[in-house]
Protein backbone atom coordinates (compact mmCIF):
# COMPACT_ATOMS: atom_id res chain seq x y z
CA MET A 1 10.95 -8.73 11.90
CA ALA A 2 7.81 -8.89 13.43
CA ALA A 3 6.14 -11.97 15.00
CA LYS A 4 4.01 -13.38 12.01
CA VAL A 5 0.51 -14.18 13.01
CA ARG A 6 -2.09 -16.96 11.15
CA LYS A 7 -5.08 -15.68 9.24
CA GLN A 8 -7.75 -17.50 6.95
CA PHE A 9 -9.21 -15.33 4.24
CA LEU A 10 -11.60 -15.55 1.34
CA LEU A 11 -9.91 -13.72 -1.73
CA ASP A 12 -10.76 -13.61 -4.96
CA PRO A 13 -8.23 -15.97 -6.88
CA GLU A 14 -8.46 -13.72 -10.22
CA LEU A 15 -7.33 -10.28 -7.87
CA LEU A 16 -4.54 -12.33 -6.28
CA ARG A 17 -3.59 -13.94 -9.41
CA LYS A 18 -3.62 -10.66 -11.19
CA ALA A 19 -1.76 -9.01 -7.88
CA ARG A 20 0.85 -12.12 -7.70
CA GLU A 21 1.64 -11.55 -11.48
CA TYR A 22 2.08 -7.75 -10.96
CA LEU A 23 4.20 -7.50 -8.15
CA ARG A 24 6.10 -10.83 -9.31
CA ALA A 25 6.00 -12.51 -5.96
CA LYS A 26 6.27 -16.31 -5.64
CA THR A 27 3.75 -17.05 -3.17
CA ASP A 28 0.47 -15.82 -1.99
CA THR A 29 1.75 -14.61 1.09
CA GLU A 30 4.36 -12.66 -0.04
CA THR A 31 1.95 -11.04 -2.47
CA VAL A 32 -0.35 -10.04 0.72
CA GLU A 33 2.50 -9.33 2.29
CA ARG A 34 4.09 -6.46 -0.26
CA ALA A 35 0.36 -5.19 -1.24
CA LEU A 36 0.09 -4.41 2.38
CA LYS A 37 3.43 -2.81 2.71
CA ALA A 38 2.14 -0.77 -0.36
CA VAL A 39 -0.73 0.55 1.24
CA ALA A 40 1.22 1.34 4.85
CA ILE A 41 3.69 2.73 2.81
CA ASP A 42 1.05 5.15 0.76
CA ASP A 43 -0.40 6.35 4.19
CA GLU A 44 2.95 7.50 5.16
CA LEU A 45 3.69 9.34 2.30
CA TYR A 46 0.22 10.92 2.75
CA ALA A 47 0.77 11.80 5.99
CA LEU A 48 4.22 13.87 5.21
CA GLN A 49 2.98 15.33 2.17
CA ALA A 50 0.16 17.18 3.97
CA ASP A 51 2.93 17.55 6.95
CA ILE A 52 4.71 19.78 4.29
CA ALA A 53 1.62 21.27 2.98
CA ARG A 54 0.58 22.96 6.45
CA GLU A 55 4.02 24.28 6.31
CA GLY A 56 3.40 26.47 3.41
CA VAL A 57 5.24 24.48 0.98
CA GLU A 58 3.38 24.37 -2.43
CA ILE A 59 2.75 20.49 -3.44
CA VAL A 60 1.23 20.09 -7.04
CA ASP A 61 -1.03 17.10 -6.02
CA VAL A 62 -1.62 15.69 -9.43
CA TYR A 63 -3.15 12.42 -8.13
CA GLY A 64 -5.64 14.09 -6.26
CA ARG A 65 -4.50 12.47 -2.61
CA LEU A 66 -4.18 15.60 -0.57
CA GLU A 67 -8.02 15.96 -0.93
CA LYS A 68 -8.70 13.05 1.77
């Protein structure tokens, strides 16, 4: 596991509450970490999809993400 860093953020408490419920996280820190991981994973998947598309494999992009 990578080293942890301390940060301070001003967050919308209602948005944080909703994210925490959606992610079923136990703490605010867990909520933020899981949300950041989801974004990072989404970016990796986008890059893989773009690589596959460049190879000539047809991908049906139902979410419109390959238009980036």
